[in-house]
PDB file of all heavy atoms in Angstrom:
ATOM      1  N   THR A   1     -13.518  26.148  13.529  1.00  0.00           N
ATOM      2  CA  THR A   1     -14.523  25.073  13.563  1.00  0.00           C
ATOM      3  C   THR A   1     -13.841  23.804  13.105  1.00  0.00           C
ATOM      4  O   THR A   1     -12.865  23.850  12.338  1.00  0.00           O
ATOM      5  CB  THR A   1     -15.731  25.429  12.667  1.00  0.00           C
ATOM      6  OG1 THR A   1     -16.769  24.462  12.835  1.00  0.00           O
ATOM      7  CG2 THR A   1     -15.340  25.489  11.205  1.00  0.00           C
ATOM      8  N   PRO A   2     -14.306  22.648  13.562  1.00  0.00           N
ATOM      9  CA  PRO A   2     -13.597  21.379  13.251  1.00  0.00           C
ATOM     10  C   PRO A   2     -13.498  21.122  11.764  1.00  0.00           C
ATOM     11  O   PRO A   2     -14.292  21.572  10.940  1.00  0.00           O
ATOM     12  CB  PRO A   2     -14.476  20.327  13.931  1.00  0.00           C
ATOM     13  CG  PRO A   2     -15.153  21.062  15.051  1.00  0.00           C
ATOM     14  CD  PRO A   2     -15.414  22.413  14.523  1.00  0.00           C
ATOM     15  N   HIS A   3     -12.465  20.358  11.441  1.00  0.00           N
ATOM     16  CA  HIS A   3     -12.202  19.943  10.054  1.00  0.00           C
ATOM     17  C   HIS A   3     -13.433  19.210   9.493  1.00  0.00           C
ATOM     18  O   HIS A   3     -13.952  18.299  10.122  1.00  0.00           O
ATOM     19  CB  HIS A   3     -11.016  18.988  10.046  1.00  0.00           C
ATOM     20  CG  HIS A   3     -10.354  18.809   8.736  1.00  0.00           C
ATOM     21  ND1 HIS A   3     -11.032  18.371   7.603  1.00  0.00           N
ATOM     22  CD2 HIS A   3      -9.065  18.974   8.336  1.00  0.00           C
ATOM     23  CE1 HIS A   3     -10.191  18.288   6.596  1.00  0.00           C
ATOM     24  NE2 HIS A   3      -8.985  18.655   7.004  1.00  0.00           N
ATOM     25  N   PRO A   4     -13.955  19.575   8.325  1.00  0.00           N
ATOM     26  CA  PRO A   4     -15.077  18.877   7.740  1.00  0.00           C
ATOM     27  C   PRO A   4     -14.682  17.505   7.226  1.00  0.00           C
ATOM     28  O   PRO A   4     -13.500  17.200   7.093  1.00  0.00           O
ATOM     29  CB  PRO A   4     -15.528  19.801   6.600  1.00  0.00           C
ATOM     30  CG  PRO A   4     -14.293  20.582   6.242  1.00  0.00           C
ATOM     31  CD  PRO A   4     -13.522  20.733   7.523  1.00  0.00           C
ATOM     32  N   TYR A   5     -15.661  16.678   6.907  1.00  0.00           N
ATOM     33  CA  TYR A   5     -15.378  15.306   6.477  1.00  0.00           C
ATOM     34  C   TYR A   5     -16.572  14.788   5.629  1.00  0.00           C
ATOM     35  O   TYR A   5     -17.636  15.428   5.577  1.00  0.00           O
ATOM     36  CB  TYR A   5     -15.180  14.394   7.680  1.00  0.00           C
ATOM     37  CG  TYR A   5     -16.417  14.215   8.544  1.00  0.00           C
ATOM     38  CD1 TYR A   5     -17.233  13.104   8.396  1.00  0.00           C
ATOM     39  CD2 TYR A   5     -16.773  15.184   9.482  1.00  0.00           C
ATOM     40  CE1 TYR A   5     -18.386  12.965   9.168  1.00  0.00           C
ATOM     41  CE2 TYR A   5     -17.916  15.038  10.260  1.00  0.00           C
ATOM     42  CZ  TYR A   5     -18.710  13.920  10.095  1.00  0.00           C
ATOM     43  OH  TYR A   5     -19.851  13.779  10.861  1.00  0.00           O
ATOM     44  N   PHE A   6     -16.375  13.658   4.965  1.00  0.00           N
ATOM     45  CA  PHE A   6     -17.435  13.019   4.228  1.00  0.00           C
ATOM     46  C   PHE A   6     -18.082  11.903   5.048  1.00  0.00           C
ATOM     47  O   PHE A   6     -19.272  11.934   5.331  1.00  0.00           O
ATOM     48  CB  PHE A   6     -16.898  12.430   2.913  1.00  0.00           C
ATOM     49  CG  PHE A   6     -16.525  13.464   1.877  1.00  0.00           C
ATOM     50  CD1 PHE A   6     -15.218  13.594   1.493  1.00  0.00           C
ATOM     51  CD2 PHE A   6     -17.493  14.276   1.325  1.00  0.00           C
ATOM     52  CE1 PHE A   6     -14.847  14.539   0.555  1.00  0.00           C
ATOM     53  CE2 PHE A   6     -17.150  15.248   0.381  1.00  0.00           C
ATOM     54  CZ  PHE A   6     -15.811  15.362  -0.026  1.00  0.00           C
ATOM     55  N   VAL A   7     -17.299  10.912   5.420  1.00  0.00           N
ATOM     56  CA  VAL A   7     -17.779   9.746   6.160  1.00  0.00           C
ATOM     57  C   VAL A   7     -17.159   9.652   7.536  1.00  0.00           C
ATOM     58  O   VAL A   7     -17.843   9.458   8.528  1.00  0.00           O
ATOM     59  CB  VAL A   7     -17.539   8.435   5.385  1.00  0.00           C
ATOM     60  CG1 VAL A   7     -17.955   7.216   6.190  1.00  0.00           C
ATOM     61  CG2 VAL A   7     -18.265   8.462   4.035  1.00  0.00           C
ATOM     62  N   THR A   8     -15.848   9.798   7.594  1.00  0.00           N
ATOM     63  CA  THR A   8     -15.095   9.619   8.852  1.00  0.00           C
ATOM     64  C   THR A   8     -14.194  10.820   9.109  1.00  0.00           C
ATOM     65  O   THR A   8     -13.365  11.139   8.276  1.00  0.00           O
ATOM     66  CB  THR A   8     -14.215   8.344   8.782  1.00  0.00           C
ATOM     67  OG1 THR A   8     -15.010   7.213   8.396  1.00  0.00           O
ATOM     68  CG2 THR A   8     -13.582   8.082  10.139  1.00  0.00           C
ATOM     69  N   PRO A   9     -14.336  11.481  10.245  1.00  0.00           N
ATOM     70  CA  PRO A   9     -13.435  12.590  10.569  1.00  0.00           C
ATOM     71  C   PRO A   9     -11.994  12.070  10.656  1.00  0.00           C
ATOM     72  O   PRO A   9     -11.713  11.051  11.264  1.00  0.00           O
ATOM     73  CB  PRO A   9     -13.917  13.065  11.937  1.00  0.00           C
ATOM     74  CG  PRO A   9     -15.342  12.625  12.017  1.00  0.00           C
ATOM     75  CD  PRO A   9     -15.365  11.292  11.296  1.00  0.00           C
ATOM     76  N   ILE A  10     -11.076  12.800  10.026  1.00  0.00           N
ATOM     77  CA  ILE A  10      -9.672  12.424  10.029  1.00  0.00           C
ATOM     78  C   ILE A  10      -8.841  13.679   9.793  1.00  0.00           C
ATOM     79  O   ILE A  10      -9.182  14.511   8.961  1.00  0.00           O
ATOM     80  CB  ILE A  10      -9.368  11.355   8.953  1.00  0.00           C
ATOM     81  CG1 ILE A  10      -7.889  10.960   9.000  1.00  0.00           C
ATOM     82  CG2 ILE A  10      -9.766  11.848   7.567  1.00  0.00           C
ATOM     83  CD1 ILE A  10      -7.558   9.791   8.074  1.00  0.00           C
ATOM     84  N   VAL A  11      -7.776  13.843  10.568  1.00  0.00           N
ATOM     85  CA  VAL A  11      -6.891  14.978  10.426  1.00  0.00           C
ATOM     86  C   VAL A  11      -5.445  14.484  10.538  1.00  0.00           C
ATOM     87  O   VAL A  11      -5.061  13.927  11.576  1.00  0.00           O
ATOM     88  CB  VAL A  11      -7.172  16.088  11.457  1.00  0.00           C
ATOM     89  CG1 VAL A  11      -6.125  17.194  11.337  1.00  0.00           C
ATOM     90  CG2 VAL A  11      -8.546  16.652  11.260  1.00  0.00           C
ATOM     91  N   GLN A  12      -4.676  14.681   9.503  1.00  0.00           N
ATOM     92  CA  GLN A  12      -3.262  14.282   9.525  1.00  0.00           C
ATOM     93  C   GLN A  12      -2.455  15.323  10.282  1.00  0.00           C
ATOM     94  O   GLN A  12      -2.631  16.518  10.095  1.00  0.00           O
ATOM     95  CB  GLN A  12      -2.758  14.160   8.074  1.00  0.00           C
ATOM     96  CG  GLN A  12      -3.514  13.135   7.256  1.00  0.00           C
ATOM     97  CD  GLN A  12      -3.090  13.094   5.824  1.00  0.00           C
ATOM     98  OE1 GLN A  12      -2.876  12.048   5.259  1.00  0.00           O
ATOM     99  NE2 GLN A  12      -2.951  14.263   5.216  1.00  0.00           N
ATOM    100  N   THR A  13      -1.580  14.813  11.139  1.00  0.00           N
ATOM    101  CA  THR A  13      -0.825  15.733  11.995  1.00  0.00           C
ATOM    102  C   THR A  13       0.679  15.449  11.863  1.00  0.00           C
ATOM    103  O   THR A  13       1.140  15.007  10.845  1.00  0.00           O
ATOM    104  CB  THR A  13      -1.268  15.578  13.457  1.00  0.00           C
ATOM    105  OG1 THR A  13      -1.054  14.250  13.896  1.00  0.00           O
ATOM    106  CG2 THR A  13      -2.758  15.901  13.584  1.00  0.00           C
ATOM    107  N   ASP A  14       1.434  15.693  12.923  1.00  0.00           N
ATOM    108  CA  ASP A  14       2.858  15.566  13.020  1.00  0.00           C
ATOM    109  C   ASP A  14       3.566  16.785  12.411  1.00  0.00           C
ATOM    110  O   ASP A  14       2.921  17.583  11.704  1.00  0.00           O
ATOM    111  CB  ASP A  14       3.372  14.290  12.361  1.00  0.00           C
ATOM    112  CG  ASP A  14       4.744  13.852  12.879  1.00  0.00           C
ATOM    113  OD1 ASP A  14       5.221  14.482  13.829  1.00  0.00           O
ATOM    114  OD2 ASP A  14       5.314  12.886  12.339  1.00  0.00           O
ATOM    115  N   SER A  15       4.821  16.938  12.706  1.00  0.00           N
ATOM    116  CA  SER A  15       5.560  18.127  12.255  1.00  0.00           C
ATOM    117  C   SER A  15       7.052  17.835  12.230  1.00  0.00           C
ATOM    118  O   SER A  15       7.467  16.748  11.876  1.00  0.00           O
ATOM    119  CB  SER A  15       5.234  19.303  13.179  1.00  0.00           C
ATOM    120  OG  SER A  15       5.711  20.521  12.645  1.00  0.00           O
ATOM    121  N   TYR A  16       7.868  18.841  12.621  1.00  0.00           N
ATOM    122  CA  TYR A  16       9.306  18.681  12.653  1.00  0.00           C
ATOM    123  C   TYR A  16       9.723  17.723  13.771  1.00  0.00           C
ATOM    124  O   TYR A  16       9.097  17.680  14.832  1.00  0.00           O
ATOM    125  CB  TYR A  16       9.999  19.989  12.908  1.00  0.00           C
ATOM    126  CG  TYR A  16       9.538  21.133  12.053  1.00  0.00           C
ATOM    127  CD1 TYR A  16       8.716  22.124  12.608  1.00  0.00           C
ATOM    128  CD2 TYR A  16       9.923  21.267  10.731  1.00  0.00           C
ATOM    129  CE1 TYR A  16       8.282  23.186  11.851  1.00  0.00           C
ATOM    130  CE2 TYR A  16       9.487  22.333   9.954  1.00  0.00           C
ATOM    131  CZ  TYR A  16       8.669  23.282  10.517  1.00  0.00           C
ATOM    132  OH  TYR A  16       8.218  24.348   9.791  1.00  0.00           O
ATOM    133  N   HIS A  17      10.838  17.014  13.543  1.00  0.00           N
ATOM    134  CA  HIS A  17      11.419  16.149  14.574  1.00  0.00           C
ATOM    135  C   HIS A  17      12.902  16.494  14.720  1.00  0.00           C
ATOM    136  O   HIS A  17      13.516  17.080  13.814  1.00  0.00           O
ATOM    137  CB  HIS A  17      11.299  14.662  14.177  1.00  0.00           C
ATOM    138  CG  HIS A  17       9.923  14.112  14.309  1.00  0.00           C
ATOM    139  ND1 HIS A  17       9.618  13.071  15.156  1.00  0.00           N
ATOM    140  CD2 HIS A  17       8.746  14.466  13.714  1.00  0.00           C
ATOM    141  CE1 HIS A  17       8.334  12.799  15.057  1.00  0.00           C
ATOM    142  NE2 HIS A  17       7.795  13.621  14.191  1.00  0.00           N
ATOM    143  N   LEU A  18      13.460  16.114  15.853  1.00  0.00           N
ATOM    144  CA  LEU A  18      14.904  16.192  16.080  1.00  0.00           C
ATOM    145  C   LEU A  18      15.468  14.808  15.918  1.00  0.00           C
ATOM    146  O   LEU A  18      14.992  13.848  16.540  1.00  0.00           O
ATOM    147  CB  LEU A  18      15.193  16.715  17.482  1.00  0.00           C
ATOM    148  CG  LEU A  18      15.130  18.232  17.657  1.00  0.00           C
ATOM    149  CD1 LEU A  18      15.217  18.601  19.145  1.00  0.00           C
ATOM    150  CD2 LEU A  18      16.253  18.940  16.891  1.00  0.00           C
ATOM    151  N   GLY A  19      16.518  14.682  15.105  1.00  0.00           N
ATOM    152  CA  GLY A  19      17.155  13.413  14.892  1.00  0.00           C
ATOM    153  C   GLY A  19      18.652  13.508  15.167  1.00  0.00           C
ATOM    154  O   GLY A  19      19.224  14.596  15.186  1.00  0.00           O
ATOM    155  N   VAL A  20      19.273  12.371  15.364  1.00  0.00           N
ATOM    156  CA  VAL A  20      20.714  12.276  15.567  1.00  0.00           C
ATOM    157  C   VAL A  20      21.320  11.489  14.411  1.00  0.00           C
ATOM    158  O   VAL A  20      20.836  10.414  14.058  1.00  0.00           O
ATOM    159  CB  VAL A  20      21.056  11.587  16.919  1.00  0.00           C
ATOM    160  CG1 VAL A  20      22.547  11.308  17.026  1.00  0.00           C
ATOM    161  CG2 VAL A  20      20.591  12.464  18.069  1.00  0.00           C
ATOM    162  N   SER A  21      22.356  12.025  13.817  1.00  0.00           N
ATOM    163  CA  SER A  21      22.991  11.357  12.682  1.00  0.00           C
ATOM    164  C   SER A  21      23.630  10.044  13.117  1.00  0.00           C
ATOM    165  O   SER A  21      24.328   9.961  14.129  1.00  0.00           O
ATOM    166  CB  SER A  21      24.067  12.269  12.086  1.00  0.00           C
ATOM    167  OG  SER A  21      24.830  11.571  11.140  1.00  0.00           O
ATOM    168  N   ALA A  22      23.378   9.012  12.341  1.00  0.00           N
ATOM    169  CA  ALA A  22      23.974   7.704  12.616  1.00  0.00           C
ATOM    170  C   ALA A  22      25.513   7.722  12.420  1.00  0.00           C
ATOM    171  O   ALA A  22      26.203   6.839  12.906  1.00  0.00           O
ATOM    172  CB  ALA A  22      23.373   6.636  11.715  1.00  0.00           C
ATOM    173  N   THR A  23      25.996   8.697  11.685  1.00  0.00           N
ATOM    174  CA  THR A  23      27.436   8.833  11.470  1.00  0.00           C
ATOM    175  C   THR A  23      28.122   9.781  12.451  1.00  0.00           C
ATOM    176  O   THR A  23      29.302  10.029  12.341  1.00  0.00           O
ATOM    177  CB  THR A  23      27.722   9.295  10.040  1.00  0.00           C
ATOM    178  OG1 THR A  23      27.019  10.506   9.792  1.00  0.00           O
ATOM    179  CG2 THR A  23      27.295   8.243   9.019  1.00  0.00           C
ATOM    180  N   SER A  24      27.343  10.281  13.404  1.00  0.00           N
ATOM    181  CA  SER A  24      27.935  11.147  14.437  1.00  0.00           C
ATOM    182  C   SER A  24      28.922  10.331  15.266  1.00  0.00           C
ATOM    183  O   SER A  24      28.704   9.167  15.590  1.00  0.00           O
ATOM    184  CB  SER A  24      26.826  11.689  15.350  1.00  0.00           C
ATOM    185  OG  SER A  24      27.381  12.286  16.500  1.00  0.00           O
ATOM    186  N   LYS A  25      30.016  10.955  15.661  1.00  0.00           N
ATOM    187  CA  LYS A  25      30.997  10.321  16.532  1.00  0.00           C
ATOM    188  C   LYS A  25      30.620  10.466  18.019  1.00  0.00           C
ATOM    189  O   LYS A  25      31.284   9.944  18.898  1.00  0.00           O
ATOM    190  CB  LYS A  25      32.382  10.896  16.291  1.00  0.00           C
ATOM    191  CG  LYS A  25      32.937  10.630  14.903  1.00  0.00           C
ATOM    192  CD  LYS A  25      34.325  11.248  14.724  1.00  0.00           C
ATOM    193  CE  LYS A  25      34.858  10.965  13.318  1.00  0.00           C
ATOM    194  NZ  LYS A  25      36.200  11.567  13.127  1.00  0.00           N
ATOM    195  N   HIS A  26      29.496  11.214  18.228  1.00  0.00           N
ATOM    196  CA  HIS A  26      29.113  11.489  19.612  1.00  0.00           C
ATOM    197  C   HIS A  26      27.595  11.263  19.805  1.00  0.00           C
ATOM    198  O   HIS A  26      26.893  12.134  20.317  1.00  0.00           O
ATOM    199  CB  HIS A  26      29.464  12.945  19.981  1.00  0.00           C
ATOM    200  CG  HIS A  26      30.879  13.320  19.686  1.00  0.00           C
ATOM    201  ND1 HIS A  26      31.955  12.794  20.393  1.00  0.00           N
ATOM    202  CD2 HIS A  26      31.427  14.113  18.718  1.00  0.00           C
ATOM    203  CE1 HIS A  26      33.093  13.299  19.918  1.00  0.00           C
ATOM    204  NE2 HIS A  26      32.808  14.089  18.911  1.00  0.00           N
ATOM    205  N   ILE A  27      27.136  10.086  19.388  1.00  0.00           N
ATOM    206  CA  ILE A  27      25.714   9.786  19.476  1.00  0.00           C
ATOM    207  C   ILE A  27      25.209   9.860  20.916  1.00  0.00           C
ATOM    208  O   ILE A  27      24.084  10.360  21.169  1.00  0.00           O
ATOM    209  CB  ILE A  27      25.424   8.391  18.876  1.00  0.00           C
ATOM    210  CG1 ILE A  27      25.634   8.425  17.347  1.00  0.00           C
ATOM    211  CG2 ILE A  27      24.022   7.921  19.196  1.00  0.00           C
ATOM    212  CD1 ILE A  27      25.467   7.098  16.675  1.00  0.00           C
ATOM    213  N   GLU A  28      26.002   9.410  21.863  1.00  0.00           N
ATOM    214  CA  GLU A  28      25.579   9.427  23.270  1.00  0.00           C
ATOM    215  C   GLU A  28      25.254  10.848  23.728  1.00  0.00           C
ATOM    216  O   GLU A  28      24.215  11.105  24.322  1.00  0.00           O
ATOM    217  CB  GLU A  28      26.662   8.828  24.148  1.00  0.00           C
ATOM    218  CG  GLU A  28      26.420   8.953  25.649  1.00  0.00           C
ATOM    219  CD  GLU A  28      25.246   8.108  26.131  1.00  0.00           C
ATOM    220  OE1 GLU A  28      24.937   7.075  25.471  1.00  0.00           O
ATOM    221  OE2 GLU A  28      24.631   8.468  27.161  1.00  0.00           O
ATOM    222  N   TYR A  29      26.136  11.778  23.440  1.00  0.00           N
ATOM    223  CA  TYR A  29      25.926  13.160  23.879  1.00  0.00           C
ATOM    224  C   TYR A  29      24.889  13.866  23.033  1.00  0.00           C
ATOM    225  O   TYR A  29      24.127  14.694  23.540  1.00  0.00           O
ATOM    226  CB  TYR A  29      27.276  13.908  23.895  1.00  0.00           C
ATOM    227  CG  TYR A  29      28.181  13.392  24.931  1.00  0.00           C
ATOM    228  CD1 TYR A  29      29.184  12.451  24.622  1.00  0.00           C
ATOM    229  CD2 TYR A  29      28.111  13.804  26.264  1.00  0.00           C
ATOM    230  CE1 TYR A  29      30.026  11.923  25.598  1.00  0.00           C
ATOM    231  CE2 TYR A  29      28.962  13.306  27.238  1.00  0.00           C
ATOM    232  CZ  TYR A  29      29.902  12.347  26.894  1.00  0.00           C
ATOM    233  OH  TYR A  29      30.754  11.850  27.862  1.00  0.00           O
TER     234      TYR A  29
END
């Protein structure tokens, strides 16, 4: 059942991401 709320329904989301190191010698690949 949907997330309960008081005044305004709100649900925080997002999860894992993939990132590329700025110090990588191979950023393009």
